[in-house]
Amino acid sequence: MPTRRASQSASVSTIISAAEQQGLLFDGELGPPSAGEATGSSDGVWSIRSLVPRAALSLFLGEERPCVMTSDALGLGDDSYWVIGYQVADTQHRFVLPLVGAQVAEMLESVSSKGIVLQLRADGIETQHHARLDVSRELAAALRAKHTHDTSPATVLPAMLLTTAGLLRPQSLRPAHGTPIPKNVSVTGVLPLDVWS
């Protein structure tokens, strides 16, 4: 008889696999301040770079008003993440960054004063979209409080897959005030370099 953990793993695997096949799941990169030149900013701002679905990028590029962003520190058991949602109409792209390692700790030291930049692009579209996210001191403090230096892949990767699978459900992230729950959701998992080294 399968255990609860085995059936949960099978469910997560099914969700992740389906999202990959539908083009809804992406790998992102946390870029240090030196990479901020591409944003037109010379003030040492960190960035998250990712591909997004073509339809989502087209919406983001075509929106005249600023897109709605939500940002929160999310804790699941012993694991904590910074989750950012970027939304136009009923389409939202979500970023999930595990709060682990030295690279993330360094980024968290400057994020409350400088924010972070999202650099979005899509296959087949030449134009990139840059969006700056300001981070309140309260949120920055919450992110720092949840940070850990444990970057063991055996710990980080399974928890990251579980969190990503959950974020693929539209209702799993509270929308910004006055914004509808999105119908179209895609997710970028941003693994810090420390996890791979």
N, C-alpha and C. Protein backbone atom coordinates (compact mmCIF):
# COMPACT_ATOMS: atom_id res chain seq x y z
N MET A 1 0.85 -1.18 0.00
CA MET A 1 0.00 0.00 0.00
C MET A 1 0.89 1.25 0.00
N PRO A 2 0.67 2.19 -0.95
CA PRO A 2 1.54 3.36 -1.03
C PRO A 2 1.37 4.26 0.18
N THR A 3 2.48 4.82 0.62
CA THR A 3 2.43 5.75 1.75
C THR A 3 1.91 7.10 1.27
N ARG A 4 1.53 7.94 2.24
CA ARG A 4 1.05 9.28 1.91
C ARG A 4 2.13 10.09 1.20
N ARG A 5 3.39 9.95 1.67
CA ARG A 5 4.50 10.68 1.05
C ARG A 5 4.70 10.22 -0.39
N ALA A 6 4.59 8.92 -0.66
CA ALA A 6 4.77 8.40 -2.02
C ALA A 6 3.68 8.93 -2.94
N SER A 7 2.43 8.96 -2.46
CA SER A 7 1.35 9.45 -3.32
C SER A 7 1.46 10.96 -3.52
N GLN A 8 1.94 11.69 -2.50
CA GLN A 8 2.16 13.13 -2.65
C GLN A 8 3.26 13.39 -3.67
N SER A 9 4.32 12.61 -3.64
CA SER A 9 5.42 12.75 -4.60
C SER A 9 4.93 12.48 -6.02
N ALA A 10 4.09 11.46 -6.17
CA ALA A 10 3.55 11.15 -7.49
C ALA A 10 2.68 12.28 -7.99
N SER A 11 1.88 12.87 -7.11
CA SER A 11 1.02 13.98 -7.48
C SER A 11 1.84 15.19 -7.90
N VAL A 12 2.87 15.52 -7.12
CA VAL A 12 3.75 16.65 -7.45
C VAL A 12 4.42 16.41 -8.79
N SER A 13 4.91 15.19 -8.99
CA SER A 13 5.57 14.85 -10.25
C SER A 13 4.63 15.03 -11.44
N THR A 14 3.38 14.62 -11.28
CA THR A 14 2.38 14.76 -12.34
C THR A 14 2.11 16.23 -12.65
N ILE A 15 1.96 17.05 -11.62
CA ILE A 15 1.69 18.48 -11.79
C ILE A 15 2.86 19.17 -12.49
N ILE A 16 4.08 18.89 -12.02
CA ILE A 16 5.28 19.51 -12.60
C ILE A 16 5.45 19.09 -14.06
N SER A 17 5.27 17.81 -14.32
CA SER A 17 5.42 17.31 -15.69
C SER A 17 4.40 17.95 -16.63
N ALA A 18 3.16 18.05 -16.20
CA ALA A 18 2.12 18.66 -17.04
C ALA A 18 2.43 20.13 -17.29
N ALA A 19 2.90 20.83 -16.27
CA ALA A 19 3.23 22.25 -16.43
C ALA A 19 4.38 22.45 -17.40
N GLU A 20 5.38 21.58 -17.35
CA GLU A 20 6.50 21.66 -18.29
C GLU A 20 6.01 21.45 -19.72
N GLN A 21 5.16 20.46 -19.93
CA GLN A 21 4.65 20.17 -21.26
C GLN A 21 3.79 21.32 -21.80
N GLN A 22 3.10 22.03 -20.91
CA GLN A 22 2.24 23.14 -21.33
C GLN A 22 3.01 24.46 -21.44
N GLY A 23 4.30 24.45 -21.15
CA GLY A 23 5.11 25.67 -21.24
C GLY A 23 4.80 26.67 -20.14
N LEU A 24 4.50 26.17 -18.93
CA LEU A 24 4.12 27.04 -17.82
C LEU A 24 5.18 27.10 -16.72
N LEU A 25 6.29 26.39 -16.90
CA LEU A 25 7.30 26.27 -15.85
C LEU A 25 8.65 26.68 -16.41
N PHE A 26 9.36 27.53 -15.66
CA PHE A 26 10.62 28.09 -16.15
C PHE A 26 11.67 28.08 -15.05
N ASP A 27 12.95 28.08 -15.47
CA ASP A 27 14.08 28.26 -14.56
C ASP A 27 14.49 29.72 -14.61
N GLY A 28 14.67 30.32 -13.44
CA GLY A 28 15.10 31.71 -13.39
C GLY A 28 16.49 31.82 -12.80
N GLU A 29 17.02 33.02 -12.85
CA GLU A 29 18.36 33.27 -12.35
C GLU A 29 18.36 34.53 -11.50
N LEU A 30 18.99 34.45 -10.34
CA LEU A 30 19.17 35.61 -9.48
C LEU A 30 20.46 36.29 -9.92
N GLY A 31 20.32 37.51 -10.43
CA GLY A 31 21.48 38.22 -10.97
C GLY A 31 22.04 39.22 -9.99
N PRO A 32 23.36 39.20 -9.78
CA PRO A 32 23.99 40.15 -8.87
C PRO A 32 23.95 41.57 -9.42
N PRO A 33 24.28 42.56 -8.60
CA PRO A 33 24.19 43.96 -9.03
C PRO A 33 24.93 44.28 -10.31
N SER A 34 26.04 43.61 -10.59
CA SER A 34 26.79 43.91 -11.81
C SER A 34 25.97 43.61 -13.06
N ALA A 35 24.98 42.72 -12.93
CA ALA A 35 24.12 42.38 -14.07
C ALA A 35 23.03 43.42 -14.26
N GLY A 36 22.93 44.39 -13.37
CA GLY A 36 21.87 45.39 -13.44
C GLY A 36 22.01 46.36 -14.58
N GLU A 37 23.16 46.35 -15.29
CA GLU A 37 23.35 47.27 -16.40
C GLU A 37 22.28 47.09 -17.46
N ALA A 38 21.79 45.86 -17.64
CA ALA A 38 20.78 45.60 -18.66
C ALA A 38 19.47 46.29 -18.34
N THR A 39 19.26 46.69 -17.09
CA THR A 39 18.02 47.35 -16.72
C THR A 39 18.09 48.86 -16.87
N GLY A 40 19.26 49.35 -17.27
CA GLY A 40 19.43 50.79 -17.37
C GLY A 40 19.69 51.41 -16.00
N SER A 41 19.95 50.60 -15.01
CA SER A 41 20.18 51.09 -13.66
C SER A 41 21.65 50.88 -13.30
N SER A 42 22.26 51.89 -12.74
CA SER A 42 23.65 51.77 -12.36
C SER A 42 23.81 51.80 -10.84
N ASP A 43 22.71 51.63 -10.12
CA ASP A 43 22.76 51.77 -8.66
C ASP A 43 22.89 50.45 -7.92
N GLY A 44 23.36 49.42 -8.59
CA GLY A 44 23.63 48.15 -7.91
C GLY A 44 22.41 47.36 -7.52
N VAL A 45 21.38 47.38 -8.34
CA VAL A 45 20.15 46.65 -8.03
C VAL A 45 20.29 45.18 -8.47
N TRP A 46 19.79 44.27 -7.65
CA TRP A 46 19.75 42.85 -8.00
C TRP A 46 18.61 42.61 -8.98
N SER A 47 18.66 41.48 -9.68
CA SER A 47 17.60 41.16 -10.64
C SER A 47 17.26 39.68 -10.60
N ILE A 48 16.04 39.40 -11.04
CA ILE A 48 15.61 38.03 -11.31
C ILE A 48 15.33 37.97 -12.80
N ARG A 49 16.00 37.07 -13.51
CA ARG A 49 15.84 36.96 -14.95
C ARG A 49 15.15 35.64 -15.29
N SER A 50 14.21 35.73 -16.22
CA SER A 50 13.48 34.51 -16.58
C SER A 50 12.80 34.64 -17.93
N LEU A 51 12.65 33.50 -18.59
CA LEU A 51 11.70 33.39 -19.68
C LEU A 51 10.30 33.34 -19.07
N VAL A 52 9.31 33.78 -19.82
CA VAL A 52 7.91 33.65 -19.44
C VAL A 52 7.14 33.23 -20.70
N PRO A 53 5.90 32.78 -20.57
CA PRO A 53 5.14 32.42 -21.77
C PRO A 53 4.99 33.62 -22.70
N ARG A 54 5.00 33.35 -24.00
CA ARG A 54 4.87 34.44 -24.99
C ARG A 54 3.60 35.25 -24.78
N ALA A 55 2.49 34.56 -24.51
CA ALA A 55 1.23 35.27 -24.32
C ALA A 55 1.29 36.21 -23.12
N ALA A 56 1.96 35.76 -22.05
CA ALA A 56 2.09 36.60 -20.85
C ALA A 56 2.96 37.81 -21.15
N LEU A 57 4.10 37.61 -21.81
CA LEU A 57 4.98 38.74 -22.12
C LEU A 57 4.28 39.75 -23.02
N SER A 58 3.54 39.27 -23.99
CA SER A 58 2.79 40.19 -24.87
C SER A 58 1.83 41.05 -24.06
N LEU A 59 1.15 40.45 -23.09
CA LEU A 59 0.25 41.22 -22.22
C LEU A 59 1.03 42.25 -21.40
N PHE A 60 2.15 41.83 -20.81
CA PHE A 60 2.94 42.73 -19.98
C PHE A 60 3.47 43.90 -20.79
N LEU A 61 3.94 43.63 -22.02
CA LEU A 61 4.47 44.69 -22.87
C LEU A 61 3.39 45.64 -23.35
N GLY A 62 2.18 45.12 -23.53
CA GLY A 62 1.09 45.93 -24.07
C GLY A 62 0.33 46.73 -23.03
N GLU A 63 0.59 46.49 -21.76
CA GLU A 63 -0.14 47.18 -20.68
C GLU A 63 0.43 48.57 -20.47
N GLU A 64 -0.41 49.59 -20.56
CA GLU A 64 0.05 50.96 -20.38
C GLU A 64 0.23 51.32 -18.90
N ARG A 65 -0.63 50.76 -18.06
CA ARG A 65 -0.49 51.02 -16.62
C ARG A 65 0.51 50.04 -16.03
N PRO A 66 1.08 50.37 -14.86
CA PRO A 66 1.99 49.40 -14.22
C PRO A 66 1.25 48.10 -13.92
N CYS A 67 1.92 47.00 -14.15
CA CYS A 67 1.32 45.70 -13.82
C CYS A 67 1.22 45.57 -12.31
N VAL A 68 0.28 44.77 -11.87
CA VAL A 68 0.08 44.56 -10.44
C VAL A 68 1.06 43.52 -9.94
N MET A 69 1.76 43.85 -8.87
CA MET A 69 2.72 42.91 -8.29
C MET A 69 2.34 42.61 -6.86
N THR A 70 2.46 41.36 -6.49
CA THR A 70 2.31 40.97 -5.09
C THR A 70 3.61 40.31 -4.67
N SER A 71 3.96 40.45 -3.44
CA SER A 71 5.22 39.92 -2.96
C SER A 71 5.05 39.53 -1.49
N ASP A 72 5.56 38.35 -1.14
CA ASP A 72 5.38 37.91 0.24
C ASP A 72 6.45 36.90 0.62
N ALA A 73 6.69 36.80 1.91
CA ALA A 73 7.54 35.74 2.45
C ALA A 73 6.62 34.58 2.77
N LEU A 74 6.88 33.43 2.21
CA LEU A 74 6.02 32.27 2.37
C LEU A 74 6.78 31.19 3.10
N GLY A 75 6.22 30.69 4.19
CA GLY A 75 6.85 29.62 4.95
C GLY A 75 6.03 28.35 4.88
N LEU A 76 6.68 27.27 4.50
CA LEU A 76 6.02 25.96 4.46
C LEU A 76 6.84 25.00 5.31
N GLY A 77 6.37 24.74 6.50
CA GLY A 77 7.15 23.90 7.41
C GLY A 77 8.46 24.59 7.76
N ASP A 78 9.56 23.88 7.55
CA ASP A 78 10.88 24.45 7.83
C ASP A 78 11.43 25.24 6.66
N ASP A 79 10.72 25.27 5.54
CA ASP A 79 11.22 25.91 4.32
C ASP A 79 10.53 27.25 4.10
N SER A 80 11.31 28.23 3.62
CA SER A 80 10.76 29.56 3.40
C SER A 80 11.17 30.07 2.02
N TYR A 81 10.29 30.89 1.44
CA TYR A 81 10.46 31.37 0.07
C TYR A 81 10.04 32.82 -0.04
N TRP A 82 10.62 33.50 -1.03
CA TRP A 82 10.11 34.80 -1.45
C TRP A 82 9.32 34.53 -2.70
N VAL A 83 8.03 34.85 -2.67
CA VAL A 83 7.16 34.62 -3.81
C VAL A 83 6.71 35.97 -4.35
N ILE A 84 6.86 36.17 -5.65
CA ILE A 84 6.45 37.41 -6.32
C ILE A 84 5.47 37.03 -7.41
N GLY A 85 4.34 37.72 -7.46
CA GLY A 85 3.36 37.53 -8.53
C GLY A 85 3.28 38.79 -9.37
N TYR A 86 3.33 38.64 -10.69
CA TYR A 86 3.30 39.77 -11.63
C TYR A 86 2.10 39.55 -12.54
N GLN A 87 1.13 40.46 -12.52
CA GLN A 87 -0.17 40.17 -13.13
C GLN A 87 -0.72 41.30 -13.99
N VAL A 88 -1.31 40.92 -15.12
CA VAL A 88 -2.13 41.79 -15.96
C VAL A 88 -3.43 41.04 -16.22
N ALA A 89 -4.55 41.71 -15.95
CA ALA A 89 -5.87 41.10 -16.14
C ALA A 89 -5.92 39.76 -15.40
N ASP A 90 -6.19 38.66 -16.11
CA ASP A 90 -6.31 37.37 -15.43
C ASP A 90 -5.08 36.48 -15.64
N THR A 91 -3.96 37.09 -16.05
CA THR A 91 -2.73 36.34 -16.29
C THR A 91 -1.66 36.77 -15.29
N GLN A 92 -1.11 35.79 -14.59
CA GLN A 92 -0.09 36.08 -13.58
C GLN A 92 1.11 35.15 -13.76
N HIS A 93 2.30 35.74 -13.69
CA HIS A 93 3.52 34.94 -13.65
C HIS A 93 4.08 35.04 -12.25
N ARG A 94 4.45 33.91 -11.67
CA ARG A 94 4.93 33.85 -10.29
C ARG A 94 6.40 33.43 -10.25
N PHE A 95 7.13 34.04 -9.33
CA PHE A 95 8.53 33.72 -9.11
C PHE A 95 8.66 33.18 -7.69
N VAL A 96 9.41 32.10 -7.53
CA VAL A 96 9.61 31.54 -6.20
C VAL A 96 11.11 31.35 -5.97
N LEU A 97 11.61 32.01 -4.93
CA LEU A 97 13.03 31.98 -4.59
C LEU A 97 13.19 31.42 -3.19
N PRO A 98 13.86 30.26 -3.03
CA PRO A 98 14.08 29.75 -1.68
C PRO A 98 15.03 30.68 -0.92
N LEU A 99 14.71 30.93 0.32
CA LEU A 99 15.49 31.86 1.14
C LEU A 99 16.65 31.12 1.80
N VAL A 100 17.60 30.70 0.96
CA VAL A 100 18.74 29.92 1.43
C VAL A 100 20.03 30.46 0.82
N GLY A 101 21.12 30.27 1.54
CA GLY A 101 22.44 30.49 0.99
C GLY A 101 22.98 31.90 1.07
N ALA A 102 24.28 32.00 0.78
CA ALA A 102 25.01 33.26 0.90
C ALA A 102 24.59 34.27 -0.16
N GLN A 103 24.31 33.81 -1.39
CA GLN A 103 23.92 34.73 -2.46
C GLN A 103 22.62 35.44 -2.10
N VAL A 104 21.64 34.70 -1.60
CA VAL A 104 20.37 35.29 -1.21
C VAL A 104 20.55 36.22 -0.01
N ALA A 105 21.39 35.83 0.94
CA ALA A 105 21.66 36.68 2.10
C ALA A 105 22.22 38.03 1.66
N GLU A 106 23.14 38.00 0.69
CA GLU A 106 23.73 39.24 0.18
C GLU A 106 22.67 40.11 -0.48
N MET A 107 21.82 39.49 -1.28
CA MET A 107 20.74 40.23 -1.95
C MET A 107 19.80 40.86 -0.93
N LEU A 108 19.48 40.12 0.12
CA LEU A 108 18.53 40.62 1.12
C LEU A 108 19.07 41.84 1.88
N GLU A 109 20.38 42.01 1.91
CA GLU A 109 20.96 43.16 2.60
C GLU A 109 20.65 44.48 1.89
N SER A 110 20.43 44.44 0.57
CA SER A 110 20.22 45.68 -0.17
C SER A 110 18.80 45.86 -0.70
N VAL A 111 17.98 44.81 -0.62
CA VAL A 111 16.70 44.85 -1.31
C VAL A 111 15.72 45.88 -0.74
N SER A 112 15.79 46.18 0.55
CA SER A 112 14.83 47.15 1.10
C SER A 112 15.14 48.56 0.66
N SER A 113 16.39 48.87 0.36
CA SER A 113 16.72 50.22 -0.08
C SER A 113 16.72 50.36 -1.61
N LYS A 114 16.95 49.24 -2.31
CA LYS A 114 17.09 49.34 -3.76
C LYS A 114 16.05 48.56 -4.55
N GLY A 115 15.29 47.71 -3.88
CA GLY A 115 14.31 46.89 -4.59
C GLY A 115 15.00 45.81 -5.41
N ILE A 116 14.25 45.25 -6.33
CA ILE A 116 14.77 44.21 -7.22
C ILE A 116 14.10 44.41 -8.58
N VAL A 117 14.78 44.02 -9.64
CA VAL A 117 14.25 44.17 -10.99
C VAL A 117 13.92 42.80 -11.56
N LEU A 118 12.74 42.69 -12.16
CA LEU A 118 12.36 41.49 -12.90
C LEU A 118 12.70 41.73 -14.37
N GLN A 119 13.49 40.85 -14.96
CA GLN A 119 13.84 40.93 -16.37
C GLN A 119 13.16 39.77 -17.08
N LEU A 120 12.15 40.08 -17.88
CA LEU A 120 11.32 39.05 -18.50
C LEU A 120 11.51 39.04 -20.01
N ARG A 121 11.62 37.85 -20.56
CA ARG A 121 11.70 37.71 -22.01
C ARG A 121 10.98 36.42 -22.40
N ALA A 122 10.74 36.26 -23.70
CA ALA A 122 10.06 35.06 -24.19
C ALA A 122 10.67 34.66 -25.51
N ASP A 123 10.67 33.37 -25.79
CA ASP A 123 11.15 32.89 -27.08
C ASP A 123 10.34 33.52 -28.20
N GLY A 124 11.03 34.00 -29.22
CA GLY A 124 10.34 34.56 -30.37
C GLY A 124 9.94 36.02 -30.25
N ILE A 125 10.20 36.63 -29.08
CA ILE A 125 9.90 38.05 -28.90
C ILE A 125 11.21 38.76 -28.57
N GLU A 126 11.57 39.73 -29.41
CA GLU A 126 12.86 40.39 -29.24
C GLU A 126 12.90 41.31 -28.03
N THR A 127 11.78 41.97 -27.75
CA THR A 127 11.74 42.97 -26.68
C THR A 127 11.68 42.29 -25.31
N GLN A 128 12.50 42.78 -24.38
CA GLN A 128 12.43 42.33 -23.00
C GLN A 128 11.57 43.30 -22.20
N HIS A 129 11.07 42.82 -21.08
CA HIS A 129 10.27 43.67 -20.19
C HIS A 129 10.99 43.74 -18.84
N HIS A 130 11.23 44.95 -18.36
CA HIS A 130 11.86 45.15 -17.05
C HIS A 130 10.86 45.80 -16.12
N ALA A 131 10.78 45.29 -14.93
CA ALA A 131 9.87 45.87 -13.93
C ALA A 131 10.60 45.93 -12.59
N ARG A 132 10.55 47.09 -11.97
CA ARG A 132 11.21 47.27 -10.68
C ARG A 132 10.20 47.05 -9.57
N LEU A 133 10.58 46.25 -8.60
CA LEU A 133 9.73 45.97 -7.45
C LEU A 133 10.35 46.59 -6.21
N ASP A 134 9.65 47.53 -5.60
CA ASP A 134 10.10 48.09 -4.34
C ASP A 134 9.74 47.12 -3.22
N VAL A 135 10.59 47.06 -2.22
CA VAL A 135 10.40 46.13 -1.10
C VAL A 135 10.38 46.92 0.19
N SER A 136 9.29 46.79 0.93
CA SER A 136 9.18 47.52 2.20
C SER A 136 10.20 46.99 3.21
N ARG A 137 10.52 47.82 4.19
CA ARG A 137 11.44 47.38 5.24
C ARG A 137 10.86 46.20 6.02
N GLU A 138 9.53 46.21 6.19
CA GLU A 138 8.87 45.13 6.93
C GLU A 138 9.03 43.80 6.19
N LEU A 139 8.78 43.83 4.87
CA LEU A 139 8.93 42.60 4.09
C LEU A 139 10.38 42.15 4.07
N ALA A 140 11.30 43.10 3.88
CA ALA A 140 12.72 42.74 3.86
C ALA A 140 13.14 42.10 5.19
N ALA A 141 12.63 42.63 6.28
CA ALA A 141 12.95 42.06 7.60
C ALA A 141 12.38 40.65 7.73
N ALA A 142 11.16 40.44 7.22
CA ALA A 142 10.55 39.10 7.27
C ALA A 142 11.33 38.12 6.41
N LEU A 143 11.80 38.56 5.25
CA LEU A 143 12.60 37.70 4.39
C LEU A 143 13.91 37.31 5.07
N ARG A 144 14.56 38.29 5.68
CA ARG A 144 15.83 38.01 6.37
C ARG A 144 15.62 37.06 7.55
N ALA A 145 14.50 37.23 8.26
CA ALA A 145 14.22 36.38 9.43
C ALA A 145 14.00 34.92 9.02
N LYS A 146 13.49 34.70 7.82
CA LYS A 146 13.19 33.34 7.36
C LYS A 146 14.38 32.70 6.63
N HIS A 147 15.43 33.48 6.38
CA HIS A 147 16.59 32.98 5.64
C HIS A 147 17.37 31.96 6.44
N THR A 148 17.91 30.96 5.73
CA THR A 148 18.79 29.96 6.34
C THR A 148 19.99 29.73 5.42
N HIS A 149 21.07 29.22 5.97
CA HIS A 149 22.26 28.98 5.15
C HIS A 149 22.33 27.55 4.64
N ASP A 150 21.32 26.73 4.92
CA ASP A 150 21.32 25.33 4.46
C ASP A 150 21.01 25.28 2.97
N THR A 151 22.01 24.98 2.16
CA THR A 151 21.80 24.91 0.71
C THR A 151 21.93 23.48 0.18
N SER A 152 21.76 22.50 1.04
CA SER A 152 21.87 21.11 0.62
C SER A 152 20.81 20.79 -0.44
N PRO A 153 21.23 20.35 -1.65
CA PRO A 153 20.24 20.00 -2.67
C PRO A 153 19.22 18.97 -2.19
N ALA A 154 19.65 18.04 -1.34
CA ALA A 154 18.74 17.02 -0.83
C ALA A 154 17.62 17.63 0.01
N THR A 155 17.87 18.80 0.58
CA THR A 155 16.86 19.50 1.36
C THR A 155 16.07 20.47 0.50
N VAL A 156 16.80 21.27 -0.30
CA VAL A 156 16.18 22.38 -1.03
C VAL A 156 15.33 21.90 -2.21
N LEU A 157 15.85 20.97 -3.01
CA LEU A 157 15.17 20.62 -4.26
C LEU A 157 13.80 19.97 -4.06
N PRO A 158 13.64 18.96 -3.19
CA PRO A 158 12.29 18.38 -3.02
C PRO A 158 11.27 19.41 -2.51
N ALA A 159 11.70 20.26 -1.56
CA ALA A 159 10.79 21.28 -1.04
C ALA A 159 10.43 22.29 -2.11
N MET A 160 11.40 22.62 -2.96
CA MET A 160 11.16 23.57 -4.05
C MET A 160 10.14 23.02 -5.04
N LEU A 161 10.25 21.73 -5.36
CA LEU A 161 9.29 21.11 -6.29
C LEU A 161 7.88 21.13 -5.69
N LEU A 162 7.78 20.83 -4.42
CA LEU A 162 6.48 20.83 -3.75
C LEU A 162 5.85 22.23 -3.76
N THR A 163 6.66 23.24 -3.46
CA THR A 163 6.18 24.62 -3.44
C THR A 163 5.77 25.07 -4.83
N THR A 164 6.59 24.74 -5.83
CA THR A 164 6.29 25.12 -7.22
C THR A 164 4.98 24.49 -7.68
N ALA A 165 4.79 23.22 -7.35
CA ALA A 165 3.54 22.55 -7.73
C ALA A 165 2.35 23.25 -7.10
N GLY A 166 2.48 23.67 -5.84
CA GLY A 166 1.39 24.39 -5.19
C GLY A 166 1.11 25.72 -5.84
N LEU A 167 2.16 26.43 -6.26
CA LEU A 167 1.98 27.76 -6.87
C LEU A 167 1.39 27.69 -8.27
N LEU A 168 1.38 26.52 -8.88
CA LEU A 168 0.74 26.38 -10.19
C LEU A 168 -0.79 26.42 -10.09
N ARG A 169 -1.31 26.28 -8.86
CA ARG A 169 -2.76 26.41 -8.66
C ARG A 169 -3.09 27.89 -8.55
N PRO A 170 -3.97 28.44 -9.38
CA PRO A 170 -4.24 29.89 -9.39
C PRO A 170 -4.60 30.46 -8.03
N GLN A 171 -5.38 29.74 -7.23
CA GLN A 171 -5.87 30.28 -5.96
C GLN A 171 -4.87 30.17 -4.83
N SER A 172 -3.68 29.63 -5.09
CA SER A 172 -2.72 29.38 -4.00
C SER A 172 -2.00 30.65 -3.52
N LEU A 173 -2.07 31.72 -4.27
CA LEU A 173 -1.42 32.97 -3.89
C LEU A 173 -2.48 34.06 -3.82
N ARG A 174 -2.58 34.70 -2.67
CA ARG A 174 -3.58 35.75 -2.48
C ARG A 174 -3.31 36.90 -3.45
N PRO A 175 -4.30 37.31 -4.25
CA PRO A 175 -4.06 38.39 -5.20
C PRO A 175 -3.96 39.74 -4.50
N ALA A 176 -3.35 40.71 -5.18
CA ALA A 176 -3.30 42.06 -4.65
C ALA A 176 -4.71 42.59 -4.49
N HIS A 177 -4.90 43.52 -3.56
CA HIS A 177 -6.23 44.08 -3.29
C HIS A 177 -6.86 44.62 -4.58
N GLY A 178 -8.09 44.20 -4.84
CA GLY A 178 -8.81 44.67 -6.02
C GLY A 178 -8.45 43.95 -7.30
N THR A 179 -7.62 42.94 -7.20
CA THR A 179 -7.19 42.18 -8.38
C THR A 179 -7.85 40.80 -8.36
N PRO A 180 -8.36 40.34 -9.50
CA PRO A 180 -9.01 39.02 -9.50
C PRO A 180 -8.01 37.89 -9.33
N ILE A 181 -8.50 36.76 -8.84
CA ILE A 181 -7.66 35.56 -8.84
C ILE A 181 -7.37 35.22 -10.30
N PRO A 182 -6.11 35.03 -10.65
CA PRO A 182 -5.79 34.79 -12.07
C PRO A 182 -6.32 33.46 -12.56
N LYS A 183 -6.58 33.41 -13.86
CA LYS A 183 -6.99 32.16 -14.50
C LYS A 183 -5.80 31.48 -15.17
N ASN A 184 -4.86 32.28 -15.63
CA ASN A 184 -3.67 31.76 -16.32
C ASN A 184 -2.45 32.01 -15.46
N VAL A 185 -1.81 30.94 -15.02
CA VAL A 185 -0.67 31.05 -14.11
C VAL A 185 0.52 30.28 -14.67
N SER A 186 1.69 30.91 -14.59
CA SER A 186 2.95 30.24 -14.91
C SER A 186 3.92 30.55 -13.78
N VAL A 187 4.97 29.75 -13.65
CA VAL A 187 5.86 29.86 -12.50
C VAL A 187 7.32 29.75 -12.92
N THR A 188 8.14 30.61 -12.33
CA THR A 188 9.60 30.51 -12.47
C THR A 188 10.18 30.11 -11.12
N GLY A 189 10.94 29.02 -11.11
CA GLY A 189 11.69 28.63 -9.93
C GLY A 189 13.10 29.22 -10.02
N VAL A 190 13.49 29.97 -9.01
CA VAL A 190 14.80 30.63 -9.01
C VAL A 190 15.67 29.95 -7.96
N LEU A 191 16.58 29.11 -8.41
CA LEU A 191 17.46 28.41 -7.46
C LEU A 191 18.77 29.19 -7.32
N PRO A 192 19.14 29.57 -6.09
CA PRO A 192 20.41 30.28 -5.89
C PRO A 192 21.60 29.44 -6.33
N LEU A 193 22.66 30.11 -6.74
CA LEU A 193 23.87 29.41 -7.21
C LEU A 193 24.43 28.47 -6.15
N ASP A 194 24.30 28.84 -4.87
CA ASP A 194 24.87 28.03 -3.79
C ASP A 194 24.32 26.61 -3.78
N VAL A 195 23.10 26.42 -4.25
CA VAL A 195 22.48 25.08 -4.23
C VAL A 195 23.24 24.15 -5.18
N TRP A 196 23.81 24.70 -6.24
CA TRP A 196 24.47 23.87 -7.24
C TRP A 196 25.96 23.71 -6.98
N SER A 197 26.54 24.53 -6.07
CA SER A 197 27.98 24.47 -5.87
C SER A 197 28.38 23.60 -4.70
